[in-house]
Protein backbone atom coordinates (compact mmCIF):
# COMPACT_ATOMS: atom_id res chain seq x y z
CA MET A 1 136.10 105.29 91.55
CA ARG A 2 136.22 108.71 89.98
CA LEU A 3 133.51 111.19 90.85
CA PHE A 4 132.52 114.25 88.87
CA TYR A 5 133.82 117.42 90.45
CA LEU A 6 133.94 121.17 90.03
CA PHE A 7 137.10 123.17 90.53
CA VAL A 8 137.00 126.97 90.80
CA PHE A 9 140.34 128.77 90.85
CA ILE A 10 140.22 132.55 91.28
CA ILE A 11 143.35 133.85 89.58
CA VAL A 12 142.39 137.50 89.18
CA SER A 13 139.51 139.40 90.71
CA TYR A 14 137.46 141.99 88.85
CA SER A 15 133.94 143.27 89.39
CA THR A 16 132.75 141.52 86.21
CA ALA A 17 135.28 138.76 85.37
CA LEU A 18 136.80 135.83 87.27
CA CYS A 19 139.17 133.22 85.85
CA THR A 20 137.37 129.90 86.33
CA GLU A 21 137.90 126.25 85.50
CA PHE A 22 135.04 123.75 85.19
CA TYR A 23 135.27 119.97 84.85
CA SER A 24 132.60 117.29 85.02
CA ASP A 25 132.87 113.58 84.31
CA PHE A 26 129.90 111.26 84.60
CA GLN A 27 131.12 108.23 86.48
CA GLY A 28 128.85 107.11 89.30
CA ASN A 29 125.27 108.20 89.88
CA LYS A 30 125.69 111.78 91.09
CA PHE A 31 125.70 113.68 87.81
CA SER A 32 122.22 115.09 88.56
CA ASN A 33 123.69 117.14 91.43
CA LEU A 34 125.41 119.34 88.87
CA TRP A 35 123.37 118.83 85.72
CA SER A 36 119.72 119.71 85.20
CA GLY A 37 117.21 119.20 82.43
CA GLU A 38 115.96 115.80 81.35
CA THR A 39 118.14 113.91 83.82
CA ASN A 40 115.74 110.93 83.67
CA HIS A 41 116.80 110.46 80.02
CA PHE A 42 120.42 109.80 81.02
CA ALA A 43 122.06 107.22 83.27
CA PRO A 44 125.65 106.39 84.31
CA ASN A 45 127.07 103.35 82.56
CA GLY A 46 130.48 102.50 83.97
CA SER A 47 132.75 105.47 83.38
CA VAL A 48 130.40 107.25 80.95
CA LEU A 49 126.96 108.80 80.88
CA GLN A 50 124.58 107.11 78.43
CA LEU A 51 121.46 108.46 76.80
CA GLN A 52 118.57 106.19 77.75
CA ALA A 53 115.62 108.18 76.43
CA PRO A 54 112.09 106.91 75.73
CA SER A 55 111.77 105.40 72.29
CA ASP A 56 109.07 107.90 71.37
CA GLY A 57 111.33 110.85 72.19
CA LYS A 58 113.10 113.15 69.71
CA ARG A 59 115.44 115.40 71.70
CA SER A 60 116.98 115.23 75.17
CA ALA A 61 119.01 117.94 76.85
CA LEU A 62 121.19 118.55 79.90
CA TYR A 63 122.45 121.93 81.12
CA THR A 64 124.51 123.37 83.94
CA GLN A 65 125.11 126.88 85.17
CA CYS A 66 128.26 128.34 83.62
CA ARG A 67 129.30 131.96 83.13
CA ILE A 68 132.61 131.26 81.40
CA PHE A 69 132.82 133.35 78.24
CA ASP A 70 135.95 135.49 77.75
CA GLU A 71 139.35 134.07 76.72
CA ALA A 72 137.68 130.71 77.06
CA THR A 73 138.15 127.07 76.03
CA TRP A 74 135.38 124.47 76.12
CA GLU A 75 135.90 120.74 75.66
CA LEU A 76 133.47 117.83 75.26
CA ARG A 77 134.35 114.15 74.72
CA PHE A 78 131.53 111.83 73.62
CA ARG A 79 130.70 108.88 71.37
CA MET A 80 127.92 108.17 68.88
CA ALA A 81 127.37 104.46 68.19
CA PHE A 82 126.13 105.30 64.67
CA ASN A 83 126.91 107.48 61.69
CA PRO A 84 125.60 111.03 62.49
CA SER A 85 123.18 112.63 60.03
CA GLY A 86 120.61 115.38 59.68
CA SER A 87 118.24 113.35 61.86
CA ASN A 88 120.74 112.13 64.46
CA TYR A 89 123.25 114.64 65.77
CA LEU A 90 124.54 116.41 68.87
CA ARG A 91 124.57 120.12 69.74
CA PHE A 92 127.14 121.31 72.26
CA TYR A 93 126.04 124.66 73.70
CA MET A 94 129.05 126.54 75.01
CA VAL A 95 126.98 129.67 75.62
CA SER A 96 123.28 130.14 76.41
CA ASP A 97 121.22 132.75 78.24
CA SER A 98 118.43 130.22 78.89
CA PRO A 99 118.47 126.85 80.65
CA ASP A 100 116.03 125.37 78.11
CA LEU A 101 118.38 124.45 75.29
CA LYS A 102 115.53 123.10 73.16
CA GLU A 103 113.60 126.38 73.04
CA ASP A 104 114.26 130.10 72.41
CA LEU A 105 117.69 131.28 73.56
CA ASN A 106 120.59 133.50 72.66
CA GLY A 107 123.94 131.75 72.45
CA TYR A 108 126.46 129.69 70.49
CA PHE A 109 126.70 125.96 69.82
CA VAL A 110 128.64 123.41 67.76
CA GLN A 111 126.63 120.77 65.95
CA VAL A 112 128.20 117.42 65.10
CA GLY A 113 126.32 115.85 62.21
CA ASN A 114 124.11 117.13 59.38
CA ALA A 115 123.19 116.14 55.85
CA SER A 116 126.78 116.91 54.76
CA ASP A 117 128.41 115.11 57.73
CA GLN A 118 130.02 118.29 59.05
CA ILE A 119 131.00 119.97 62.30
CA VAL A 120 129.26 123.38 62.28
CA LEU A 121 129.55 126.46 64.49
CA TYR A 122 126.22 128.32 64.94
CA ARG A 123 124.89 131.43 66.59
CA GLN A 124 121.33 131.17 67.89
CA SER A 125 119.06 134.21 68.39
CA GLY A 126 115.70 133.15 69.77
CA THR A 127 114.68 130.29 67.47
CA SER A 128 116.72 131.57 64.54
CA ILE A 129 120.12 129.97 63.96
CA LYS A 130 122.89 131.28 61.71
CA LYS A 131 125.81 129.20 60.50
CA LEU A 132 129.07 130.95 61.29
CA ALA A 133 131.54 128.33 59.99
CA SER A 134 131.77 124.62 59.16
CA SER A 135 134.26 121.84 58.60
CA GLU A 136 134.80 120.11 55.31
CA ALA A 137 132.01 117.83 54.13
CA SER A 138 132.07 114.15 55.25
CA ARG A 139 134.36 115.00 58.20
CA VAL A 140 132.18 112.93 60.59
CA ASN A 141 131.06 110.32 58.07
CA ARG A 142 131.99 107.33 60.28
CA ASP A 143 130.00 104.22 61.17
CA SER A 144 130.80 104.92 64.81
CA LEU A 145 132.12 108.24 66.02
CA CYS A 146 134.29 108.91 69.07
CA ILE A 147 135.09 112.61 69.13
CA THR A 148 136.71 115.19 71.36
CA LEU A 149 135.52 118.73 70.58
CA LYS A 150 137.50 121.78 71.64
CA VAL A 151 136.16 125.31 71.11
CA GLN A 152 138.18 128.45 71.81
CA ARG A 153 137.06 132.07 72.01
CA ALA A 154 139.41 135.05 72.29
CA LYS A 155 138.38 138.68 71.64
CA GLY A 156 135.37 137.60 69.61
CA GLU A 157 137.28 135.06 67.49
CA TRP A 158 135.85 131.52 67.57
CA ARG A 159 137.93 128.45 66.63
CA VAL A 160 136.65 124.86 66.58
CA PHE A 161 138.98 121.85 66.87
CA ALA A 162 138.30 118.11 66.91
CA LYS A 163 139.98 114.73 67.39
CA ILE A 164 138.02 111.91 65.82
CA ASN A 165 138.40 108.21 66.66
CA ASP A 166 142.14 107.34 66.64
CA GLU A 167 143.45 110.80 65.71
CA GLU A 168 146.20 111.77 68.17
CA THR A 169 146.16 115.57 67.72
CA PHE A 170 143.48 118.20 67.38
CA ARG A 171 142.66 119.46 63.93
CA GLU A 172 141.17 122.93 63.37
CA GLU A 173 137.79 122.43 61.74
CA CYS A 174 136.57 126.00 61.26
CA SER A 175 136.73 129.53 62.63
CA ALA A 176 134.67 132.74 62.63
CA ARG A 177 134.37 136.11 64.30
CA ASP A 178 131.14 137.00 66.09
CA THR A 179 130.46 139.40 68.99
CA SER A 180 126.66 139.40 68.98
CA PHE A 181 126.41 138.30 72.61
CA ALA A 182 128.59 139.29 75.54
CA ALA A 183 127.80 136.96 78.43
CA CYS A 184 126.82 133.41 79.33
CA LEU A 185 124.56 131.85 81.96
CA TYR A 186 124.36 128.17 80.95
CA MET A 187 126.27 125.42 79.11
CA GLY A 188 125.05 122.00 77.99
CA PHE A 189 124.19 119.67 75.13
CA VAL A 190 121.18 118.42 73.17
CA CYS A 191 120.88 114.93 71.64
CA LYS A 192 118.69 114.73 68.52
CA TYR A 193 117.74 111.15 67.66
CA THR A 194 115.37 108.84 65.86
CA THR A 195 113.69 105.87 67.55
CA THR A 196 116.60 103.47 67.00
CA ARG A 197 119.25 105.93 68.32
CA ASN A 198 117.61 106.77 71.66
CA GLU A 199 120.35 104.92 73.61
CA ALA A 200 123.33 105.46 71.31
CA PHE A 201 124.95 108.61 72.80
CA TYR A 202 127.76 108.28 75.40
CA PHE A 203 129.51 111.10 77.26
CA ASP A 204 132.91 110.97 78.93
CA TYR A 205 133.54 114.53 80.23
CA VAL A 206 132.84 118.23 79.80
CA ALA A 207 135.42 120.90 80.64
CA ALA A 208 135.65 124.69 80.37
CA GLN A 209 138.19 127.28 81.36
CA GLY A 210 138.27 131.04 81.00
CA GLU A 211 137.00 134.30 82.40
CA GLU A 212 133.60 134.15 84.05
CA VAL A 213 131.56 137.13 82.89
CA LEU A 214 128.98 138.44 85.35
CA ASP A 215 126.06 140.25 83.74
CA GLU A 216 125.39 143.19 86.05
CA THR A 217 123.89 145.48 83.40
CA PRO A 218 120.11 145.96 83.65
CA PRO A 219 118.05 145.80 80.47
CA THR A 220 116.96 149.02 78.79
CA ILE A 221 114.27 149.98 76.31
CA LYS A 222 116.03 150.07 72.97
CA LYS A 223 113.10 151.24 70.84
CA SER A 224 109.34 151.72 70.93
CA VAL A 225 106.99 151.98 67.98
CA GLN A 226 103.31 152.77 68.26
CA THR A 227 100.23 153.18 66.11
CA ASP A 228 96.72 153.83 67.38
CA SER A 229 96.04 150.07 67.60
CA CYS A 230 99.47 148.49 68.18
CA LEU A 231 102.45 149.04 70.49
CA GLN A 232 105.84 147.41 70.05
CA VAL A 233 108.62 147.62 72.63
CA THR A 234 112.15 146.34 71.99
CA PHE A 235 114.48 145.68 74.93
CA SER A 236 118.27 145.69 74.83
CA GLU A 237 118.49 142.02 75.79
CA ARG A 238 116.44 138.88 76.40
CA ILE A 239 113.73 139.19 79.09
CA LYS A 240 112.26 136.59 81.42
CA THR A 241 108.94 136.75 79.65
CA LYS A 242 106.81 134.67 82.02
CA GLN A 243 107.19 136.97 85.00
CA ALA A 244 106.86 140.33 83.22
CA HIS A 245 103.48 142.05 83.15
CA PHE A 246 102.27 145.38 81.87
CA LEU A 247 99.65 148.07 82.56
CA LEU A 248 98.44 150.71 80.10
CA ASN A 249 97.00 153.65 82.02
CA GLN A 250 96.71 151.29 85.00
CA LYS A 251 94.81 148.59 83.08
CA ALA A 252 96.48 145.21 82.51
CA ILE A 253 97.35 144.35 78.90
CA THR A 254 99.04 141.31 77.38
CA GLY A 255 101.35 141.08 74.40
CA GLU A 256 103.22 138.58 72.26
CA TRP A 257 106.98 138.10 72.62
CA ASP A 258 109.10 137.39 69.57
CA ALA A 259 111.35 134.35 69.45
CA SER A 260 114.38 136.20 70.84
CA GLY A 261 112.54 137.36 73.97
CA THR A 262 113.57 140.96 73.30
CA GLN A 263 110.55 142.35 71.43
CA LEU A 264 106.99 142.59 72.75
CA THR A 265 103.96 143.48 70.62
CA PHE A 266 100.63 144.65 72.06
CA ARG A 267 97.57 144.61 69.82
CA LEU A 268 95.09 146.95 71.46
CA PRO A 269 91.34 146.24 71.57
CA ALA A 270 90.48 149.96 71.26
CA PRO A 271 92.47 152.57 69.35
CA LEU A 272 94.46 155.18 71.25
CA LYS A 273 93.43 158.80 70.88
CA HIS A 274 95.74 161.06 68.93
CA GLY A 275 97.49 163.73 70.97
CA ASN A 276 96.81 161.99 74.30
CA LEU A 277 99.62 160.70 76.51
CA TYR A 278 99.44 157.11 77.79
CA ALA A 279 101.60 155.48 80.44
CA LEU A 280 102.83 151.90 79.91
CA GLU A 281 103.94 150.54 83.28
CA MET A 282 106.30 147.57 83.23
CA LYS A 283 106.55 145.29 86.25
CA GLY A 284 108.78 142.28 86.82
CA VAL A 285 110.90 143.00 83.74
CA GLU A 286 114.26 141.27 84.27
CA ASP A 287 116.98 139.97 82.00
CA MET A 288 118.07 136.34 82.19
CA ALA A 289 120.66 137.21 84.85
CA GLY A 290 118.01 138.77 87.10
CA ASN A 291 118.91 142.43 86.50
CA GLN A 292 115.78 144.58 86.69
CA LEU A 293 114.68 147.20 84.19
CA GLN A 294 115.37 150.64 85.63
CA ASP A 295 112.79 152.62 83.63
CA THR A 296 109.49 151.11 84.72
CA GLN A 297 107.24 153.46 82.76
CA LEU A 298 107.16 154.31 79.07
CA ASP A 299 105.22 157.30 77.78
CA ILE A 300 103.15 156.45 74.71
CA LEU A 301 101.99 159.18 72.33
CA ILE A 302 100.03 158.77 69.12
CA GLU A 303 100.95 162.07 67.61
CA GLU A 304 98.60 164.62 66.20
CA GLY A 305 100.00 166.55 63.26
CA ILE A 306 101.92 169.59 64.51
CA LYS A 307 100.94 172.95 63.06
CA PRO A 308 102.86 176.24 62.94
CA MET A 309 102.90 177.99 66.32
CA ASP A 310 101.69 174.89 68.22
CA LEU A 311 105.16 174.90 69.76
CA ILE A 312 106.76 178.32 70.02
CA ILE A 313 110.20 179.76 70.67
CA ASN A 314 109.61 181.42 74.03
CA GLU A 315 113.02 182.50 75.33
CA VAL A 316 116.55 182.69 73.90
CA LEU A 317 119.90 183.20 75.58
CA PHE A 318 122.33 183.99 72.76
CA ASN A 319 125.03 185.96 74.61
CA PRO A 320 125.80 183.88 77.71
CA TYR A 321 128.18 184.66 80.56
CA GLU A 322 131.79 183.69 79.93
CA GLU A 323 131.37 180.29 81.61
CA GLY A 324 127.77 179.83 80.50
CA VAL A 325 126.13 178.37 77.37
CA ASP A 326 123.30 179.30 75.00
CA TYR A 327 119.81 177.93 75.47
CA VAL A 328 116.51 178.01 73.57
CA GLU A 329 113.26 177.59 75.48
CA LEU A 330 110.20 176.16 73.71
CA TYR A 331 106.61 176.38 74.97
CA ASN A 332 103.70 174.14 73.96
CA ARG A 333 100.72 176.44 73.55
CA SER A 334 98.55 173.76 71.87
CA ASP A 335 95.99 171.50 73.58
CA HIS A 336 97.82 168.24 72.72
CA HIS A 337 101.15 166.58 73.53
CA ILE A 338 104.04 167.12 71.13
CA ASN A 339 107.09 164.93 70.52
CA LEU A 340 110.30 166.90 70.03
CA GLY A 341 111.86 163.94 68.23
CA ASN A 342 110.12 164.91 64.99
CA LEU A 343 111.58 168.44 64.98
CA LEU A 344 114.80 170.25 64.16
CA LEU A 345 116.39 173.33 65.68
CA ALA A 346 118.21 175.44 63.12
CA THR A 347 119.16 178.93 62.01
CA TYR A 348 118.86 180.86 58.76
CA LYS A 349 121.51 181.74 56.24
CA SER A 350 121.40 185.36 55.06
CA ASP A 351 119.04 184.29 52.26
CA SER A 352 116.52 182.71 54.71
CA ILE A 353 117.53 179.17 53.82
CA ILE A 354 117.41 176.76 56.78
CA TYR A 355 120.95 176.08 57.94
CA ALA A 356 122.84 173.97 60.53
CA ALA A 357 119.72 172.02 61.54
CA LYS A 358 120.10 169.83 64.64
CA THR A 359 117.78 166.89 65.29
CA LEU A 360 116.05 167.08 68.65
CA PRO A 361 115.82 163.95 70.82
CA TYR A 362 112.65 162.10 71.74
CA LYS A 363 110.83 164.01 74.47
CA ILE A 364 107.13 164.54 74.98
CA ILE A 365 106.03 168.08 75.83
CA ALA A 366 102.65 168.40 77.51
CA PRO A 367 100.23 171.25 76.78
CA GLN A 368 101.50 174.41 78.52
CA GLY A 369 104.80 172.57 79.02
CA TYR A 370 108.36 173.77 78.44
CA ALA A 371 111.51 172.38 76.85
CA VAL A 372 114.91 174.02 77.31
CA ILE A 373 117.36 173.02 74.56
CA THR A 374 121.02 173.38 75.52
CA THR A 375 124.35 171.62 75.40
CA ASP A 376 124.95 171.80 79.16
CA PRO A 377 122.02 172.09 81.61
CA GLU A 378 124.41 172.34 84.56
CA ALA A 379 126.10 175.39 83.03
CA VAL A 380 122.69 177.03 82.56
CA CYS A 381 121.50 176.33 86.09
CA ARG A 382 124.77 177.68 87.49
CA PHE A 383 123.50 181.19 86.65
CA TYR A 384 119.70 180.89 86.58
CA ASP A 385 116.94 179.48 88.74
CA CYS A 386 115.91 176.09 87.34
CA PRO A 387 112.92 174.77 89.30
CA ASN A 388 111.85 172.50 86.42
CA GLU A 389 114.90 170.32 85.72
CA GLU A 390 112.81 167.83 83.72
CA ALA A 391 112.27 170.52 81.08
CA PHE A 392 115.93 170.40 80.00
CA VAL A 393 116.85 168.63 76.76
CA THR A 394 120.54 168.09 76.08
CA ILE A 395 121.94 168.00 72.55
CA ALA A 396 125.57 167.69 71.49
CA LYS A 397 125.67 170.99 69.60
CA LEU A 398 123.37 173.94 69.03
CA PRO A 399 123.28 175.88 65.78
CA SER A 400 125.51 178.95 65.95
CA TYR A 401 123.64 181.86 67.51
CA GLY A 402 125.56 185.16 67.28
CA ASN A 403 126.08 187.33 70.37
CA THR A 404 124.64 190.44 68.72
CA GLN A 405 122.15 189.13 66.16
CA GLY A 406 120.95 185.90 64.59
CA SER A 407 117.95 183.69 63.98
CA VAL A 408 116.39 180.67 65.70
CA VAL A 409 114.28 178.30 63.58
CA LEU A 410 112.06 175.43 64.73
CA THR A 411 111.08 173.19 61.83
CA THR A 412 109.83 169.71 60.99
CA LYS A 413 112.02 167.26 59.12
CA GLU A 414 109.97 168.14 56.04
CA GLN A 415 111.00 171.82 56.56
CA LEU A 416 107.60 173.04 57.70
CA ILE A 417 108.45 176.11 59.81
CA ILE A 418 106.77 175.77 63.20
CA ASP A 419 108.22 179.03 64.56
CA ASP A 420 111.18 181.31 63.95
CA PHE A 421 112.71 184.30 65.71
CA ARG A 422 115.14 186.86 64.29
CA TYR A 423 116.81 188.65 67.18
CA LYS A 424 119.09 191.65 67.66
CA GLU A 425 120.91 192.89 70.74
CA SER A 426 118.96 196.16 70.36
CA MET A 427 115.77 194.28 71.33
CA HIS A 428 117.00 194.32 74.94
CA ASN A 429 115.61 196.90 77.36
CA GLU A 430 117.41 200.14 76.54
CA LEU A 431 117.81 200.95 80.25
CA LEU A 432 120.08 197.91 80.64
CA LYS A 433 123.76 198.81 80.48
CA GLU A 434 125.11 195.22 80.34
CA LYS A 435 123.51 192.67 78.00
CA GLU A 436 125.78 189.67 78.60
CA GLY A 437 123.94 186.81 80.33
CA VAL A 438 120.52 188.37 79.75
CA SER A 439 117.98 186.31 77.83
CA LEU A 440 115.27 187.65 75.54
CA GLU A 441 111.77 186.58 76.54
CA ARG A 442 108.55 186.56 74.61
CA ILE A 443 106.19 188.88 76.51
CA SER A 444 103.22 186.57 75.87
CA PRO A 445 102.80 183.21 74.11
CA TYR A 446 100.30 184.93 71.83
CA LEU A 447 102.30 188.05 71.00
CA GLU A 448 105.37 188.69 68.87
CA GLU A 449 106.85 191.19 71.35
CA TRP A 450 110.17 190.41 73.05
CA THR A 451 112.18 192.05 75.81
CA SER A 452 114.93 191.40 78.34
CA ALA A 453 114.33 188.95 81.15
CA ALA A 454 114.01 190.80 84.44
CA GLU A 455 116.96 191.30 86.76
CA SER A 456 114.68 190.43 89.69
CA ALA A 457 114.20 187.01 88.03
CA GLY A 458 117.95 186.53 87.51
CA PHE A 459 117.96 187.71 83.86
CA GLY A 460 116.59 184.35 82.68
CA THR A 461 113.72 181.94 83.39
CA PRO A 462 114.62 178.65 81.66
CA GLY A 463 111.85 176.07 81.98
CA HIS A 464 109.27 178.22 83.78
CA GLU A 465 107.00 181.24 83.26
CA ASN A 466 108.63 184.26 81.68
CA SER A 467 109.35 187.18 83.97
CA THR A 468 107.85 189.61 81.45
CA ALA A 469 104.33 188.15 81.24
CA PRO A 470 102.03 191.16 81.92
CA SER A 471 99.51 191.28 84.74
CA GLU A 472 95.94 192.35 84.06
CA GLU A 473 96.02 195.10 86.71
CA GLU A 474 98.74 197.16 88.32
CA ASP A 475 99.09 196.42 92.03
CA ILE A 476 101.89 197.47 94.40
CA SER A 477 101.24 196.75 98.07
CA LEU A 478 102.67 195.46 101.33
CA SER A 479 101.44 191.92 101.66
CA GLN A 480 103.16 191.80 105.07
CA GLU A 481 103.46 195.11 106.93
CA VAL A 482 105.20 194.11 110.18
CA CYS A 483 108.74 192.74 110.49
CA PHE A 484 109.41 190.19 113.22
CA PRO A 485 113.22 189.82 113.01
CA HIS A 486 113.38 186.71 115.19
CA LEU A 487 111.11 184.91 112.66
CA SER A 488 113.20 185.81 109.57
CA PRO A 489 112.67 185.10 106.73
CA GLU A 490 108.98 184.29 107.41
CA GLY A 491 108.76 187.46 109.50
CA ASN A 492 110.12 189.83 106.85
CA ILE A 493 108.15 192.77 105.48
CA VAL A 494 107.03 191.86 101.91
CA LEU A 495 106.37 194.39 99.14
CA SER A 496 104.44 192.64 96.36
CA TYR A 497 104.00 194.06 92.86
CA SER A 498 102.13 193.24 89.66
CA LEU A 499 102.71 195.37 86.54
CA THR A 500 100.73 195.66 83.35
CA HIS A 501 103.85 195.66 81.19
CA SER A 502 107.54 194.84 81.47
CA GLY A 503 110.58 197.11 81.35
CA TYR A 504 110.32 198.97 84.64
CA MET A 505 113.54 199.87 86.45
CA ALA A 506 112.94 200.24 90.19
CA ASN A 507 114.45 201.84 93.28
CA VAL A 508 113.06 200.81 96.67
CA THR A 509 114.28 202.82 99.65
CA VAL A 510 113.54 202.64 103.38
CA PHE A 511 113.43 205.89 105.44
CA SER A 512 113.15 206.56 109.14
CA LEU A 513 110.24 208.82 110.19
CA ASN A 514 112.59 211.83 110.29
CA GLY A 515 113.51 211.28 106.59
CA ILE A 516 116.93 209.57 106.93
CA ILE A 517 117.66 206.77 104.43
CA VAL A 518 118.36 203.57 106.40
CA ARG A 519 118.17 200.89 103.68
CA HIS A 520 118.39 200.59 99.89
CA LEU A 521 116.32 197.50 99.02
CA ALA A 522 116.68 197.93 95.25
CA GLN A 523 118.73 200.24 93.05
CA ASN A 524 118.06 200.39 89.31
CA LEU A 525 116.57 196.87 89.47
CA LEU A 526 114.98 195.69 86.20
CA LEU A 527 111.71 194.26 87.45
CA SER A 528 109.74 191.26 86.34
CA THR A 529 106.04 191.96 85.81
CA HIS A 530 105.18 190.32 89.12
CA GLY A 531 107.28 189.56 92.16
CA GLU A 532 108.25 190.47 95.70
CA ILE A 533 110.87 192.58 97.45
CA THR A 534 111.50 191.77 101.12
CA TRP A 535 112.98 193.66 104.05
CA ASP A 536 114.41 191.99 107.15
CA GLY A 537 114.40 195.10 109.37
CA CYS A 538 118.15 195.75 109.00
CA ASN A 539 120.03 198.79 107.71
CA ASP A 540 122.54 198.79 104.84
CA SER A 541 125.28 197.67 107.26
CA GLY A 542 123.27 194.62 108.31
CA SER A 543 122.45 195.89 111.81
CA LEU A 544 118.92 195.47 113.14
CA LEU A 545 117.07 198.78 113.35
CA PRO A 546 115.19 199.94 116.46
CA ILE A 547 111.55 199.01 116.92
CA ALA A 548 109.59 201.74 115.09
CA PRO A 549 107.56 202.56 111.98
CA TYR A 550 109.49 203.16 108.73
CA ILE A 551 108.61 204.55 105.30
CA LEU A 552 109.13 202.33 102.23
CA LEU A 553 109.30 204.27 98.95
CA PHE A 554 108.74 202.34 95.68
CA GLU A 555 109.76 204.22 92.53
CA ALA A 556 109.86 202.72 89.05
CA HIS A 557 110.19 204.09 85.52
CA ASP A 558 110.42 202.61 82.04
CA ALA A 559 112.10 203.71 78.80
CA GLU A 560 108.91 205.48 77.62
CA GLY A 561 108.93 207.74 80.70
CA ASP A 562 106.10 206.06 82.61
CA VAL A 563 106.62 206.44 86.35
CA ILE A 564 105.13 204.59 89.33
CA ARG A 565 105.62 206.02 92.83
CA LYS A 566 104.16 204.48 95.99
CA LYS A 567 104.75 204.99 99.72
CA PHE A 568 104.08 202.47 102.48
CA VAL A 569 104.52 202.28 106.23
CA GLY A 570 106.13 199.17 107.67
CA VAL A 571 106.85 198.43 111.32
CA VAL A 572 109.88 196.72 112.83
CA SER A 573 108.60 194.84 115.86
CA GLN A 574 110.25 192.52 118.38
């Protein structure tokens, strides 16, 4: 007695593809060990498996796990003891992402029998089916049909062959090209029958051979659309809908899945407020292969109309170091969230016409938040302190910003100018000798004044507060007066400063009590408007100085001739 069996031959080994052979006959009573579904509707009958469904039934299905997909051949031999029609036919699913072959799925099947007595190749997406190719009409118009189907797939090309009744060789019935789906989880067949055909299907064997494709790619969010009363999220592939659940600002919400299992629509009981940011948490979101969604939270924003100067150009690096790149920093000075995806970054032609506009990607900027637009964040952070990496927005190409002069334009897609900035190299602090690698910063979000980023801040502050923001009061003091060298750096002497305007160039010198210079802490240092200068108790050679009091002299001047001069006493202790 023959028994059904499964052979697996590993010919080549890849991380995502294995060459596999599958074979199952139905002799004996063990077919249910391999096949699942409505197994009680089928029973072995000698060397074949016979449909023995209830007379009040309409469709019966069996499936088995099968990942064969690439460079593949599937074969099914069966018999119908009647003339197939639009009411009595068989669907052979070579590919399915769902075990329930009678419900929503993504896959491919061949149907034997329809109103035109054809063999038809279909693609199914959810509950929607699309005919890809078909045989000639009346091909299966037989009183009793014994047929061997063979389906081949190679590089997206599908070919369907058949041998019917006493035909000795396969005949190609139809062919098509389709690459809509890229993997398989299940294979099987569905019998569609009327009351008198519920025991008239017989199956001899099912076989498949080809590369087994392993789906190891997690699903992603392909698109999201929102209004104040409706959210719609589209995933990159079919989701296991029954185990996924969702929270909006930590409150559970339910939605409706479309037939394909890739799109979810939430109809909200209360409208969302414009300009507010909402968090949609997604839990248990897996594709049919069990791969989990990586991004488990989606930011939802019902946008409030953006007005000029809601989002401002706050800092520009237009003459970068040789191995650096340009960047444009934006600052949200409004009281609502703003989506960059509705804006363009551009420049002006000589006649003030918007030119070389680049679409900005989707990114939500919170009130008082920053966005740094650049082609290479790593190249920026190689030269500047970047404590806020989330502020960076990468685009393929910036508009051309000249090294000596140019213009930066932020505009809507309807060409409403939100902010613009015409810059010249001469806007840099005139005390600076070298301008390369120095950004221009807006002195205040509410002023049109610009100046060089401070040397003490690294000549650039991408993604955080500008170094030139003025303090309300001038204050230069020692916030820590005693140096404890063994506790360095926590034990360093700290000179703190706050300045009412930017542009000061500073020298900070340490003297012994007899007037000898022992350390130059700063020499012609372009200061930020607030910061610290530290001293570790060592001289210019790096040697620790003797325990004693020392004089720290702070001297600063700007291009207008303003001078600040302060003396302090600091002590090197043990």
